[in-house]
C-alpha atoms as a PDB file:
ATOM      1  CA  MET A   1     -21.416 -71.488 -33.488  1.00  0.00           C
ATOM      2  CA  THR A   2     -22.182 -67.973 -34.643  1.00  0.00           C
ATOM      3  CA  TYR A   3     -24.899 -66.572 -32.503  1.00  0.00           C
ATOM      4  CA  PRO A   4     -27.050 -63.797 -33.263  1.00  0.00           C
ATOM      5  CA  MET A   5     -27.276 -60.216 -31.137  1.00  0.00           C
ATOM      6  CA  PRO A   6     -29.487 -59.897 -28.421  1.00  0.00           C
ATOM      7  CA  ALA A   7     -32.097 -57.748 -28.021  1.00  0.00           C
ATOM      8  CA  VAL A   8     -32.610 -55.123 -25.296  1.00  0.00           C
ATOM      9  CA  SER A   9     -35.045 -53.631 -22.776  1.00  0.00           C
ATOM     10  CA  ILE A  10     -35.306 -49.984 -22.239  1.00  0.00           C
ATOM     11  CA  ALA A  11     -37.768 -47.599 -20.217  1.00  0.00           C
ATOM     12  CA  ALA A  12     -38.119 -43.806 -20.955  1.00  0.00           C
ATOM     13  CA  VAL A  13     -38.548 -42.023 -17.439  1.00  0.00           C
ATOM     14  CA  PRO A  14     -39.622 -38.304 -16.884  1.00  0.00           C
ATOM     15  CA  GLY A  15     -36.337 -36.314 -17.872  1.00  0.00           C
ATOM     16  CA  ARG A  16     -34.625 -38.968 -19.989  1.00  0.00           C
ATOM     17  CA  ARG A  17     -37.035 -39.502 -22.842  1.00  0.00           C
ATOM     18  CA  ARG A  18     -35.134 -37.780 -25.388  1.00  0.00           C
ATOM     19  CA  VAL A  19     -31.992 -39.642 -24.417  1.00  0.00           C
ATOM     20  CA  VAL A  20     -33.415 -42.976 -24.509  1.00  0.00           C
ATOM     21  CA  LEU A  21     -34.493 -42.604 -28.039  1.00  0.00           C
ATOM     22  CA  ASP A  22     -30.974 -41.306 -28.461  1.00  0.00           C
ATOM     23  CA  PHE A  23     -29.833 -44.771 -26.887  1.00  0.00           C
ATOM     24  CA  ALA A  24     -31.986 -46.311 -29.261  1.00  0.00           C
ATOM     25  CA  LYS A  25     -30.290 -45.124 -32.417  1.00  0.00           C
ATOM     26  CA  GLU A  26     -27.216 -46.321 -30.913  1.00  0.00           C
ATOM     27  CA  ILE A  27     -28.527 -50.094 -29.931  1.00  0.00           C
ATOM     28  CA  GLU A  28     -29.401 -50.325 -33.250  1.00  0.00           C
ATOM     29  CA  LYS A  29     -26.360 -49.262 -35.304  1.00  0.00           C
ATOM     30  CA  ALA A  30     -24.273 -51.744 -32.590  1.00  0.00           C
ATOM     31  CA  GLY A  31     -26.558 -54.309 -34.631  1.00  0.00           C
ATOM     32  CA  TYR A  32     -28.560 -55.419 -31.495  1.00  0.00           C
ATOM     33  CA  SER A  33     -31.875 -57.524 -32.685  1.00  0.00           C
ATOM     34  CA  GLY A  34     -34.625 -55.722 -30.889  1.00  0.00           C
ATOM     35  CA  LEU A  35     -36.113 -53.018 -28.602  1.00  0.00           C
ATOM     36  CA  TYR A  36     -38.753 -54.708 -26.143  1.00  0.00           C
ATOM     37  CA  LEU A  37     -40.140 -51.738 -24.064  1.00  0.00           C
ATOM     38  CA  PRO A  38     -41.431 -52.791 -20.421  1.00  0.00           C
ATOM     39  CA  SER A  39     -45.071 -51.486 -19.397  1.00  0.00           C
ATOM     40  CA  MET A  40     -43.951 -48.666 -17.448  1.00  0.00           C
ATOM     41  CA  SER A  41     -43.539 -45.230 -18.748  1.00  0.00           C
ATOM     42  CA  ASP A  42     -46.232 -45.541 -21.558  1.00  0.00           C
ATOM     43  CA  SER A  43     -44.154 -48.018 -23.916  1.00  0.00           C
ATOM     44  CA  LEU A  44     -46.527 -47.504 -26.779  1.00  0.00           C
ATOM     45  CA  SER A  45     -45.730 -43.806 -26.809  1.00  0.00           C
ATOM     46  CA  LEU A  46     -41.896 -44.897 -26.694  1.00  0.00           C
ATOM     47  CA  CYS A  47     -42.458 -47.752 -29.299  1.00  0.00           C
ATOM     48  CA  THR A  48     -44.004 -44.967 -31.581  1.00  0.00           C
ATOM     49  CA  ALA A  49     -40.970 -42.676 -31.304  1.00  0.00           C
ATOM     50  CA  ILE A  50     -38.282 -45.012 -31.950  1.00  0.00           C
ATOM     51  CA  ALA A  51     -40.523 -46.203 -34.891  1.00  0.00           C
ATOM     52  CA  MET A  52     -39.933 -43.073 -36.355  1.00  0.00           C
ATOM     53  CA  GLU A  53     -36.324 -42.325 -35.366  1.00  0.00           C
ATOM     54  CA  THR A  54     -35.060 -45.853 -36.355  1.00  0.00           C
ATOM     55  CA  LYS A  55     -34.615 -47.679 -39.639  1.00  0.00           C
ATOM     56  CA  SER A  56     -34.010 -51.800 -39.465  1.00  0.00           C
ATOM     57  CA  ILE A  57     -34.451 -52.759 -35.587  1.00  0.00           C
ATOM     58  CA  THR A  58     -37.142 -54.756 -34.314  1.00  0.00           C
ATOM     59  CA  ILE A  59     -39.616 -52.909 -31.786  1.00  0.00           C
ATOM     60  CA  GLY A  60     -41.898 -54.830 -29.373  1.00  0.00           C
ATOM     61  CA  THR A  61     -43.852 -54.608 -26.227  1.00  0.00           C
ATOM     62  CA  GLY A  62     -42.538 -56.384 -23.121  1.00  0.00           C
ATOM     63  CA  ILE A  63     -45.383 -56.019 -22.454  1.00  0.00           C
ATOM     64  CA  THR A  64     -48.586 -54.028 -22.667  1.00  0.00           C
ATOM     65  CA  PRO A  65     -51.368 -55.503 -19.822  1.00  0.00           C
ATOM     66  CA  ILE A  66     -54.707 -56.198 -21.560  1.00  0.00           C
ATOM     67  CA  TYR A  67     -56.582 -54.599 -19.079  1.00  0.00           C
ATOM     68  CA  GLY A  68     -56.115 -50.621 -19.297  1.00  0.00           C
ATOM     69  CA  ARG A  69     -57.612 -50.219 -22.574  1.00  0.00           C
ATOM     70  CA  THR A  70     -60.180 -51.985 -25.035  1.00  0.00           C
ATOM     71  CA  PRO A  71     -58.708 -54.410 -27.481  1.00  0.00           C
ATOM     72  CA  ALA A  72     -60.072 -52.467 -30.379  1.00  0.00           C
ATOM     73  CA  ASP A  73     -58.304 -49.334 -28.878  1.00  0.00           C
ATOM     74  CA  LEU A  74     -54.842 -51.121 -28.453  1.00  0.00           C
ATOM     75  CA  ALA A  75     -55.223 -52.579 -32.001  1.00  0.00           C
ATOM     76  CA  GLN A  76     -55.565 -49.133 -33.544  1.00  0.00           C
ATOM     77  CA  THR A  77     -52.515 -47.930 -31.684  1.00  0.00           C
ATOM     78  CA  ALA A  78     -50.746 -51.519 -32.744  1.00  0.00           C
ATOM     79  CA  ALA A  79     -51.454 -50.881 -36.007  1.00  0.00           C
ATOM     80  CA  PHE A  80     -50.308 -47.437 -36.490  1.00  0.00           C
ATOM     81  CA  ILE A  81     -46.992 -48.409 -35.010  1.00  0.00           C
ATOM     82  CA  LYS A  82     -46.790 -51.166 -37.581  1.00  0.00           C
ATOM     83  CA  GLU A  83     -47.349 -49.041 -40.366  1.00  0.00           C
ATOM     84  CA  ILE A  84     -44.890 -46.473 -39.745  1.00  0.00           C
ATOM     85  CA  SER A  85     -42.171 -48.941 -38.527  1.00  0.00           C
ATOM     86  CA  GLY A  86     -42.114 -50.730 -41.761  1.00  0.00           C
ATOM     87  CA  ASP A  87     -43.518 -54.125 -40.052  1.00  0.00           C
ATOM     88  CA  ARG A  88     -41.043 -53.863 -37.294  1.00  0.00           C
ATOM     89  CA  PHE A  89     -43.366 -53.504 -34.521  1.00  0.00           C
ATOM     90  CA  GLN A  90     -44.409 -56.862 -32.261  1.00  0.00           C
ATOM     91  CA  PHE A  91     -47.063 -56.436 -29.977  1.00  0.00           C
ATOM     92  CA  GLY A  92     -46.280 -58.169 -26.652  1.00  0.00           C
ATOM     93  CA  VAL A  93     -49.617 -58.205 -23.977  1.00  0.00           C
ATOM     94  CA  GLY A  94     -49.991 -60.110 -20.723  1.00  0.00           C
ATOM     95  CA  VAL A  95     -52.628 -60.242 -18.058  1.00  0.00           C
ATOM     96  CA  SER A  96     -49.847 -58.692 -15.480  1.00  0.00           C
ATOM     97  CA  HIS A  97     -50.163 -59.360 -11.876  1.00  0.00           C
ATOM     98  CA  ALA A  98     -53.081 -58.353  -9.068  1.00  0.00           C
ATOM     99  CA  PRO A  99     -50.823 -55.902  -7.299  1.00  0.00           C
ATOM    100  CA  ALA A 100     -50.036 -53.917 -10.339  1.00  0.00           C
ATOM    101  CA  LEU A 101     -53.520 -54.071 -11.775  1.00  0.00           C
ATOM    102  CA  ALA A 102     -54.848 -52.513  -8.239  1.00  0.00           C
ATOM    103  CA  ALA A 103     -52.160 -49.902  -7.931  1.00  0.00           C
ATOM    104  CA  GLN A 104     -53.592 -48.516 -11.372  1.00  0.00           C
ATOM    105  CA  GLY A 105     -57.223 -48.782 -10.070  1.00  0.00           C
ATOM    106  CA  LEU A 106     -57.847 -51.593 -12.334  1.00  0.00           C
ATOM    107  CA  LYS A 107     -58.874 -55.511 -11.791  1.00  0.00           C
ATOM    108  CA  GLY A 108     -57.915 -58.815 -13.656  1.00  0.00           C
ATOM    109  CA  GLY A 109     -60.202 -61.751 -14.057  1.00  0.00           C
ATOM    110  CA  LYS A 110     -59.771 -65.421 -15.707  1.00  0.00           C
ATOM    111  CA  PRO A 111     -56.051 -65.145 -17.176  1.00  0.00           C
ATOM    112  CA  LEU A 112     -56.893 -67.632 -19.842  1.00  0.00           C
ATOM    113  CA  ALA A 113     -60.148 -66.566 -20.706  1.00  0.00           C
ATOM    114  CA  ASP A 114     -59.551 -63.061 -20.907  1.00  0.00           C
ATOM    115  CA  MET A 115     -56.409 -63.494 -22.944  1.00  0.00           C
ATOM    116  CA  ARG A 116     -58.089 -65.721 -25.582  1.00  0.00           C
ATOM    117  CA  GLN A 117     -61.007 -63.019 -25.910  1.00  0.00           C
ATOM    118  CA  PHE A 118     -58.693 -59.784 -26.112  1.00  0.00           C
ATOM    119  CA  VAL A 119     -56.508 -61.815 -28.687  1.00  0.00           C
ATOM    120  CA  LYS A 120     -59.914 -62.644 -30.710  1.00  0.00           C
ATOM    121  CA  ASP A 121     -61.211 -59.135 -30.541  1.00  0.00           C
ATOM    122  CA  TYR A 122     -57.624 -57.457 -31.142  1.00  0.00           C
ATOM    123  CA  LYS A 123     -57.613 -59.563 -34.367  1.00  0.00           C
ATOM    124  CA  THR A 124     -60.840 -58.864 -35.734  1.00  0.00           C
ATOM    125  CA  ALA A 125     -61.242 -55.064 -34.420  1.00  0.00           C
ATOM    126  CA  PRO A 126     -62.736 -52.917 -37.258  1.00  0.00           C
ATOM    127  CA  ARG A 127     -61.358 -50.508 -39.471  1.00  0.00           C
ATOM    128  CA  VAL A 128     -57.861 -50.723 -37.956  1.00  0.00           C
ATOM    129  CA  GLY A 129     -55.323 -51.903 -41.099  1.00  0.00           C
ATOM    130  CA  GLU A 130     -53.296 -54.429 -40.534  1.00  0.00           C
ATOM    131  CA  VAL A 131     -52.618 -55.579 -36.972  1.00  0.00           C
ATOM    132  CA  PRO A 132     -48.798 -56.809 -36.050  1.00  0.00           C
ATOM    133  CA  PRO A 133     -47.885 -60.236 -34.698  1.00  0.00           C
ATOM    134  CA  ILE A 134     -49.070 -60.768 -30.956  1.00  0.00           C
ATOM    135  CA  ILE A 135     -46.574 -62.111 -28.328  1.00  0.00           C
ATOM    136  CA  LEU A 136     -48.180 -63.597 -25.447  1.00  0.00           C
ATOM    137  CA  ALA A 137     -46.530 -63.043 -22.071  1.00  0.00           C
ATOM    138  CA  ALA A 138     -46.359 -66.539 -20.999  1.00  0.00           C
ATOM    139  CA  MET A 139     -44.468 -68.254 -17.734  1.00  0.00           C
ATOM    140  CA  ARG A 140     -46.779 -71.470 -16.969  1.00  0.00           C
ATOM    141  CA  LYS A 141     -47.578 -74.169 -19.105  1.00  0.00           C
ATOM    142  CA  LYS A 142     -51.039 -73.528 -19.638  1.00  0.00           C
ATOM    143  CA  MET A 143     -50.845 -70.064 -20.875  1.00  0.00           C
ATOM    144  CA  ILE A 144     -47.534 -71.106 -23.151  1.00  0.00           C
ATOM    145  CA  GLY A 145     -49.991 -73.516 -24.703  1.00  0.00           C
ATOM    146  CA  LEU A 146     -52.500 -70.777 -25.440  1.00  0.00           C
ATOM    147  CA  ALA A 147     -49.685 -68.546 -26.763  1.00  0.00           C
ATOM    148  CA  SER A 148     -49.125 -71.726 -28.882  1.00  0.00           C
ATOM    149  CA  GLU A 149     -52.751 -72.114 -30.310  1.00  0.00           C
ATOM    150  CA  ILE A 150     -53.581 -68.040 -30.495  1.00  0.00           C
ATOM    151  CA  GLY A 151     -50.744 -66.123 -30.707  1.00  0.00           C
ATOM    152  CA  GLU A 152     -47.234 -65.480 -32.964  1.00  0.00           C
ATOM    153  CA  GLY A 153     -44.982 -65.812 -30.136  1.00  0.00           C
ATOM    154  CA  MET A 154     -44.230 -65.845 -26.188  1.00  0.00           C
ATOM    155  CA  ILE A 155     -41.977 -63.768 -24.218  1.00  0.00           C
ATOM    156  CA  ILE A 156     -40.775 -64.333 -20.510  1.00  0.00           C
ATOM    157  CA  ALA A 157     -39.453 -62.178 -17.961  1.00  0.00           C
ATOM    158  CA  ASN A 158     -37.116 -63.709 -15.157  1.00  0.00           C
ATOM    159  CA  GLY A 159     -37.348 -67.258 -16.549  1.00  0.00           C
ATOM    160  CA  ALA A 160     -35.202 -69.944 -15.331  1.00  0.00           C
ATOM    161  CA  ARG A 161     -32.878 -71.136 -18.011  1.00  0.00           C
ATOM    162  CA  SER A 162     -32.589 -74.835 -16.620  1.00  0.00           C
ATOM    163  CA  TYR A 163     -36.410 -74.990 -17.006  1.00  0.00           C
ATOM    164  CA  ILE A 164     -36.737 -73.198 -20.509  1.00  0.00           C
ATOM    165  CA  GLN A 165     -36.600 -76.612 -22.303  1.00  0.00           C
ATOM    166  CA  GLU A 166     -39.323 -77.811 -20.257  1.00  0.00           C
ATOM    167  CA  SER A 167     -41.584 -74.850 -20.858  1.00  0.00           C
ATOM    168  CA  LEU A 168     -40.849 -75.013 -24.439  1.00  0.00           C
ATOM    169  CA  THR A 169     -42.486 -78.471 -24.626  1.00  0.00           C
ATOM    170  CA  GLU A 170     -46.035 -76.585 -24.793  1.00  0.00           C
ATOM    171  CA  LEU A 171     -44.763 -75.727 -28.258  1.00  0.00           C
ATOM    172  CA  THR A 172     -45.202 -77.468 -31.688  1.00  0.00           C
ATOM    173  CA  LYS A 173     -41.677 -78.320 -32.656  1.00  0.00           C
ATOM    174  CA  GLU A 174     -42.071 -76.075 -35.498  1.00  0.00           C
ATOM    175  CA  GLN A 175     -42.952 -73.451 -33.577  1.00  0.00           C
ATOM    176  CA  ARG A 176     -39.719 -74.417 -31.450  1.00  0.00           C
ATOM    177  CA  SER A 177     -37.486 -73.780 -34.634  1.00  0.00           C
ATOM    178  CA  ASN A 178     -39.848 -71.459 -37.018  1.00  0.00           C
ATOM    179  CA  LYS A 179     -37.834 -68.413 -36.674  1.00  0.00           C
ATOM    180  CA  GLU A 180     -41.184 -66.447 -37.310  1.00  0.00           C
ATOM    181  CA  PHE A 181     -42.535 -67.688 -34.185  1.00  0.00           C
ATOM    182  CA  PHE A 182     -41.197 -65.572 -31.193  1.00  0.00           C
ATOM    183  CA  ILE A 183     -39.566 -67.054 -27.882  1.00  0.00           C
ATOM    184  CA  GLY A 184     -37.977 -64.317 -25.966  1.00  0.00           C
ATOM    185  CA  ASP A 185     -37.005 -64.037 -22.314  1.00  0.00           C
ATOM    186  CA  MET A 186     -36.572 -60.539 -20.655  1.00  0.00           C
ATOM    187  CA  ILE A 187     -33.006 -61.504 -18.753  1.00  0.00           C
ATOM    188  CA  PRO A 188     -32.022 -58.800 -15.547  1.00  0.00           C
ATOM    189  CA  THR A 189     -28.332 -58.645 -16.476  1.00  0.00           C
ATOM    190  CA  CYS A 190     -25.562 -56.501 -14.472  1.00  0.00           C
ATOM    191  CA  ILE A 191     -21.931 -56.311 -16.135  1.00  0.00           C
ATOM    192  CA  SER A 192     -19.371 -55.565 -13.783  1.00  0.00           C
ATOM    193  CA  ASP A 193     -16.175 -56.841 -13.175  1.00  0.00           C
ATOM    194  CA  ASP A 194     -17.195 -56.434  -9.666  1.00  0.00           C
ATOM    195  CA  GLU A 195     -19.014 -60.183  -9.592  1.00  0.00           C
ATOM    196  CA  GLU A 196     -20.692 -59.645  -6.141  1.00  0.00           C
ATOM    197  CA  ALA A 197     -21.629 -55.949  -6.689  1.00  0.00           C
ATOM    198  CA  ALA A 198     -23.199 -57.057  -9.871  1.00  0.00           C
ATOM    199  CA  LYS A 199     -24.898 -60.054  -8.025  1.00  0.00           C
ATOM    200  CA  ALA A 200     -26.622 -57.318  -5.453  1.00  0.00           C
ATOM    201  CA  VAL A 201     -27.982 -55.370  -8.232  1.00  0.00           C
ATOM    202  CA  ASN A 202     -29.795 -58.363  -9.847  1.00  0.00           C
ATOM    203  CA  ARG A 203     -30.994 -59.304  -6.202  1.00  0.00           C
ATOM    204  CA  LYS A 204     -32.207 -55.679  -5.751  1.00  0.00           C
ATOM    205  CA  THR A 205     -33.975 -55.642  -8.985  1.00  0.00           C
ATOM    206  CA  LEU A 206     -35.768 -59.004  -8.241  1.00  0.00           C
ATOM    207  CA  ILE A 207     -37.130 -58.184  -5.190  1.00  0.00           C
ATOM    208  CA  MET A 208     -40.658 -57.254  -6.069  1.00  0.00           C
ATOM    209  CA  TYR A 209     -41.316 -60.050  -8.540  1.00  0.00           C
ATOM    210  CA  THR A 210     -40.270 -62.502  -5.651  1.00  0.00           C
ATOM    211  CA  MET A 211     -43.249 -60.887  -3.591  1.00  0.00           C
ATOM    212  CA  LEU A 212     -45.810 -61.777  -6.522  1.00  0.00           C
ATOM    213  CA  PRO A 213     -47.238 -65.255  -5.681  1.00  0.00           C
ATOM    214  CA  ASN A 214     -47.297 -66.281  -9.485  1.00  0.00           C
ATOM    215  CA  TYR A 215     -43.612 -65.711  -9.767  1.00  0.00           C
ATOM    216  CA  ARG A 216     -42.774 -67.983  -6.886  1.00  0.00           C
ATOM    217  CA  ASN A 217     -44.997 -70.497  -8.201  1.00  0.00           C
ATOM    218  CA  TYR A 218     -42.968 -70.750 -11.647  1.00  0.00           C
ATOM    219  CA  TRP A 219     -39.734 -70.534  -9.786  1.00  0.00           C
ATOM    220  CA  LYS A 220     -41.149 -73.563  -7.380  1.00  0.00           C
ATOM    221  CA  ALA A 221     -42.076 -75.564 -10.827  1.00  0.00           C
ATOM    222  CA  ALA A 222     -39.034 -74.526 -12.152  1.00  0.00           C
ATOM    223  CA  GLY A 223     -36.975 -76.650  -9.245  1.00  0.00           C
ATOM    224  CA  PHE A 224     -36.569 -73.602  -6.750  1.00  0.00           C
ATOM    225  CA  GLU A 225     -38.845 -74.739  -3.781  1.00  0.00           C
ATOM    226  CA  GLN A 226     -36.604 -74.032  -1.048  1.00  0.00           C
ATOM    227  CA  GLU A 227     -35.455 -70.457  -2.309  1.00  0.00           C
ATOM    228  CA  MET A 228     -39.371 -69.663  -2.607  1.00  0.00           C
ATOM    229  CA  SER A 229     -40.122 -71.110   0.726  1.00  0.00           C
ATOM    230  CA  ASP A 230     -37.449 -69.024   2.310  1.00  0.00           C
ATOM    231  CA  ILE A 231     -38.635 -65.819   0.899  1.00  0.00           C
ATOM    232  CA  GLU A 232     -42.316 -66.604   1.643  1.00  0.00           C
ATOM    233  CA  LYS A 233     -41.161 -66.802   5.223  1.00  0.00           C
ATOM    234  CA  VAL A 234     -39.429 -63.839   5.349  1.00  0.00           C
ATOM    235  CA  VAL A 235     -42.299 -62.111   3.592  1.00  0.00           C
ATOM    236  CA  THR A 236     -44.845 -63.332   6.196  1.00  0.00           C
ATOM    237  CA  GLU A 237     -42.595 -62.214   8.948  1.00  0.00           C
ATOM    238  CA  GLY A 238     -42.930 -58.883   7.246  1.00  0.00           C
ATOM    239  CA  ASP A 239     -38.979 -58.427   7.036  1.00  0.00           C
ATOM    240  CA  ILE A 240     -38.794 -57.947   3.469  1.00  0.00           C
ATOM    241  CA  LYS A 241     -35.213 -56.223   3.927  1.00  0.00           C
ATOM    242  CA  ARG A 242     -33.943 -59.905   4.437  1.00  0.00           C
ATOM    243  CA  ILE A 243     -35.007 -61.056   0.478  1.00  0.00           C
ATOM    244  CA  PRO A 244     -31.777 -60.922  -1.154  1.00  0.00           C
ATOM    245  CA  GLU A 245     -30.229 -62.572   1.713  1.00  0.00           C
ATOM    246  CA  VAL A 246     -32.283 -65.840   0.809  1.00  0.00           C
ATOM    247  CA  MET A 247     -32.114 -65.457  -2.687  1.00  0.00           C
ATOM    248  CA  SER A 248     -29.582 -68.368  -3.640  1.00  0.00           C
ATOM    249  CA  ASP A 249     -26.711 -67.891  -5.910  1.00  0.00           C
ATOM    250  CA  ARG A 250     -27.980 -71.138  -7.841  1.00  0.00           C
ATOM    251  CA  TRP A 251     -31.439 -69.514  -8.448  1.00  0.00           C
ATOM    252  CA  LEU A 252     -29.622 -66.078  -9.703  1.00  0.00           C
ATOM    253  CA  GLU A 253     -27.298 -67.939 -11.838  1.00  0.00           C
ATOM    254  CA  GLN A 254     -30.322 -69.310 -13.457  1.00  0.00           C
ATOM    255  CA  VAL A 255     -32.768 -65.989 -13.680  1.00  0.00           C
ATOM    256  CA  THR A 256     -30.315 -63.276 -14.205  1.00  0.00           C
ATOM    257  CA  LEU A 257     -27.014 -62.621 -16.068  1.00  0.00           C
ATOM    258  CA  PHE A 258     -24.138 -60.910 -14.034  1.00  0.00           C
ATOM    259  CA  GLY A 259     -20.189 -60.493 -13.938  1.00  0.00           C
ATOM    260  CA  SER A 260     -17.553 -59.610 -16.363  1.00  0.00           C
ATOM    261  CA  PRO A 261     -18.548 -58.804 -20.202  1.00  0.00           C
ATOM    262  CA  THR A 262     -16.830 -62.356 -21.031  1.00  0.00           C
ATOM    263  CA  LYS A 263     -19.425 -63.991 -18.369  1.00  0.00           C
ATOM    264  CA  VAL A 264     -22.543 -61.941 -19.929  1.00  0.00           C
ATOM    265  CA  ARG A 265     -21.731 -62.852 -23.389  1.00  0.00           C
ATOM    266  CA  ASP A 266     -21.230 -66.716 -22.551  1.00  0.00           C
ATOM    267  CA  GLY A 267     -24.362 -66.558 -20.327  1.00  0.00           C
ATOM    268  CA  ILE A 268     -26.341 -64.969 -23.552  1.00  0.00           C
ATOM    269  CA  GLU A 269     -24.559 -67.324 -26.060  1.00  0.00           C
ATOM    270  CA  ALA A 270     -26.474 -70.316 -22.998  1.00  0.00           C
ATOM    271  CA  TRP A 271     -29.678 -68.787 -23.352  1.00  0.00           C
ATOM    272  CA  PHE A 272     -29.606 -69.348 -26.944  1.00  0.00           C
ATOM    273  CA  ASP A 273     -28.595 -73.006 -26.660  1.00  0.00           C
ATOM    274  CA  ALA A 274     -31.416 -73.482 -24.048  1.00  0.00           C
ATOM    275  CA  GLY A 275     -33.911 -72.354 -26.901  1.00  0.00           C
ATOM    276  CA  VAL A 276     -34.541 -68.733 -26.141  1.00  0.00           C
ATOM    277  CA  LYS A 277     -34.741 -67.367 -29.746  1.00  0.00           C
ATOM    278  CA  THR A 278     -34.231 -63.776 -28.478  1.00  0.00           C
ATOM    279  CA  PRO A 279     -32.566 -62.816 -24.985  1.00  0.00           C
ATOM    280  CA  ILE A 280     -33.620 -59.765 -23.978  1.00  0.00           C
ATOM    281  CA  ILE A 281     -31.214 -57.926 -22.234  1.00  0.00           C
ATOM    282  CA  VAL A 282     -32.958 -55.862 -18.963  1.00  0.00           C
ATOM    283  CA  PRO A 283     -29.895 -53.977 -18.026  1.00  0.00           C
ATOM    284  CA  SER A 284     -28.879 -52.534 -14.676  1.00  0.00           C
ATOM    285  CA  SER A 285     -25.601 -51.404 -13.448  1.00  0.00           C
ATOM    286  CA  ALA A 286     -23.338 -51.135 -10.490  1.00  0.00           C
ATOM    287  CA  ALA A 287     -21.989 -47.848 -11.153  1.00  0.00           C
ATOM    288  CA  GLY A 288     -24.748 -45.781 -12.203  1.00  0.00           C
ATOM    289  CA  ASN A 289     -28.590 -45.399 -13.150  1.00  0.00           C
ATOM    290  CA  GLN A 290     -29.902 -46.689 -16.596  1.00  0.00           C
ATOM    291  CA  LEU A 291     -28.070 -44.467 -18.956  1.00  0.00           C
ATOM    292  CA  LYS A 292     -24.727 -46.027 -17.215  1.00  0.00           C
ATOM    293  CA  ALA A 293     -26.143 -49.500 -17.651  1.00  0.00           C
ATOM    294  CA  LEU A 294     -26.713 -48.733 -21.375  1.00  0.00           C
ATOM    295  CA  GLU A 295     -23.262 -47.423 -22.054  1.00  0.00           C
ATOM    296  CA  GLU A 296     -21.628 -50.416 -20.406  1.00  0.00           C
ATOM    297  CA  LEU A 297     -24.200 -52.501 -22.650  1.00  0.00           C
ATOM    298  CA  LEU A 298     -23.457 -50.776 -25.990  1.00  0.00           C
ATOM    299  CA  ALA A 299     -19.497 -51.968 -25.116  1.00  0.00           C
ATOM    300  CA  LEU A 300     -20.223 -55.591 -24.584  1.00  0.00           C
ATOM    301  CA  TYR A 301     -19.428 -56.456 -28.302  1.00  0.00           C
ATOM    302  CA  GLN A 302     -16.753 -53.830 -28.737  1.00  0.00           C
END
């Protein structure tokens, strides 16, 4: 079976913005299927810049929180990127998490009701032109069901591959098979022949996510009750440094990709087989920073 290329997650931090744009062009040239940008470091500005620097690769946010700007304001920006990119932009949005919102002086509300209202207001915003497809960040079944009802796709971050098929039962059969309905998962990935070093990198990446109750509840539902109970015990005791010690290999194998290029490529294919139409590689490196990780990723299919 011939598999399509996965997508890639990149972010532009201060001092690296120009070089990240250059990497975006290289990722497009290498044939990767998309670039999906996390909320850090103003992803919408980066989407705009990438749209103007590239020609064919799909661009999306993964994701933009809905509470920082009004729906009409975000619709204006999303419609702008859609137009200048030649219809290559997909607008991924989510309700984020209470601690992340609080750090920005924001406060969430009722996730399902708020997302429903946001999508309605976004799609009916006046004088913005045509808005791009809206993709909902959705891990638990109720939000996936809402994505099925009102969105043009769904995106998970750090999903468990062994649980994906169960999650996707909330979609219609047509949505699961129709390429026009987006199904993506952002997968922490470390490519290294030193597998233990790669696992250590992914464990470090996931520490902050394990401290969020919504993620722990998702992973419990996915069959990792013991791991999450162990993490909750460590968090309650205030011994945060011990969190990686209780992240089992069993859990890490299902949530991340790590190891040799061959093992990572095989893992990407397993995500396609599980029903994820667009695996989104979130690269880290055991030998350097994000730029080194992007270099390793560009070499993955050479």
